[in-house]
Amino acid sequence: MLADALEHLVRGLVSRPDEVRVADKDLRRGRILEVRVDPSDVGKVIGRQGRTATALRTVIKSLAGRERVQIDFVDVDRPRRGR
């Protein structure tokens, strides 16, 4: 339900809604919702100074209640750095 709600909200923000993907992963320390969008829409989802991303996190956390949920906005253009 949370992944569907987040996907619905993000689709309303972007110019390419068919490219929106939300992966729901259950881990020991809680759930992680990974949001992937078209690279041209990343700025729209993050917003100025991260305000849109913060608002999305607030809405989803309020829907989750006591369940621990983390939202990650994945940038597919940048390769992950090794440690």
Protein backbone atom coordinates (compact mmCIF):
# COMPACT_ATOMS: atom_id res chain seq x y z
CA MET A 1 0.00 0.00 0.00
CA LEU A 2 2.78 2.47 0.89
CA ALA A 3 4.68 1.78 -2.32
CA ASP A 4 1.50 2.29 -4.35
CA ALA A 5 0.75 5.57 -2.58
CA LEU A 6 4.30 6.84 -3.10
CA GLU A 7 4.25 5.83 -6.76
CA HIS A 8 0.94 7.66 -7.26
CA LEU A 9 2.32 10.84 -5.67
CA VAL A 10 5.56 10.77 -7.66
CA ARG A 11 3.74 10.10 -10.95
CA GLY A 12 1.82 13.33 -10.41
CA LEU A 13 5.06 15.30 -10.14
CA VAL A 14 7.07 14.09 -13.12
CA SER A 15 6.80 14.66 -16.85
CA ARG A 16 7.40 10.96 -17.67
CA PRO A 17 5.11 9.04 -15.28
CA ASP A 18 5.61 5.74 -17.11
CA GLU A 19 9.26 5.73 -16.03
CA VAL A 20 8.46 5.85 -12.29
CA ARG A 21 9.42 2.69 -10.38
CA VAL A 22 9.09 2.12 -6.64
CA ALA A 23 10.78 -0.95 -5.18
CA ASP A 24 9.60 -2.14 -1.76
CA LYS A 25 12.29 -3.93 0.28
CA ASP A 26 11.80 -5.42 3.74
CA LEU A 27 14.92 -5.40 5.88
CA ARG A 28 15.56 -6.20 9.53
CA ARG A 29 15.61 -2.54 10.47
CA GLY A 30 12.45 -1.64 8.54
CA ARG A 31 11.17 -1.11 5.03
CA ILE A 32 12.96 0.79 2.29
CA LEU A 33 11.08 2.27 -0.64
CA GLU A 34 13.45 2.97 -3.54
CA VAL A 35 12.15 5.52 -6.02
CA ARG A 36 13.56 5.56 -9.56
CA VAL A 37 12.51 8.15 -12.12
CA ASP A 38 13.73 9.30 -15.51
CA PRO A 39 17.00 11.25 -15.08
CA SER A 40 15.36 14.40 -16.41
CA ASP A 41 12.75 14.23 -13.63
CA VAL A 42 15.07 13.80 -10.64
CA GLY A 43 15.06 17.51 -9.89
CA LYS A 44 11.27 17.61 -9.83
CA VAL A 45 11.09 14.80 -7.30
CA ILE A 46 13.80 16.24 -5.04
CA GLY A 47 12.62 19.86 -5.29
CA ARG A 48 14.37 23.03 -4.23
CA GLN A 49 16.61 22.32 -1.25
CA GLY A 50 14.94 18.90 -0.96
CA ARG A 51 11.54 20.27 0.04
CA THR A 52 9.52 18.01 -2.26
CA ALA A 53 11.43 14.92 -1.12
CA THR A 54 10.91 15.92 2.51
CA ALA A 55 7.18 16.39 1.92
CA LEU A 56 6.92 12.97 0.26
CA ARG A 57 8.74 11.37 3.20
CA THR A 58 6.41 13.11 5.66
CA VAL A 59 3.26 11.88 3.88
CA ILE A 60 4.48 8.29 3.60
CA LYS A 61 5.70 8.17 7.21
CA SER A 62 2.32 9.40 8.40
CA LEU A 63 0.61 6.67 6.37
CA ALA A 64 2.98 4.06 7.79
CA GLY A 65 2.06 4.80 11.38
CA ARG A 66 4.44 2.96 13.72
CA GLU A 67 6.10 0.99 10.93
CA ARG A 68 9.65 2.12 10.17
CA VAL A 69 9.90 3.28 6.55
CA GLN A 70 12.82 4.87 4.74
CA ILE A 71 12.54 6.43 1.29
CA ASP A 72 15.56 6.51 -1.03
CA PHE A 73 15.58 8.49 -4.25
CA VAL A 74 17.98 6.58 -6.47
CA ASP A 75 19.97 8.51 -9.07
CA VAL A 76 20.52 6.01 -11.88
CA ASP A 77 22.94 8.22 -13.83
CA ARG A 78 25.63 8.22 -11.16
CA PRO A 79 27.46 4.99 -10.45
CA ARG A 80 27.72 4.06 -6.77
CA ARG A 81 31.11 4.64 -5.24
CA GLY A 82 32.96 1.80 -3.60
CA ARG A 83 34.32 2.20 -0.09
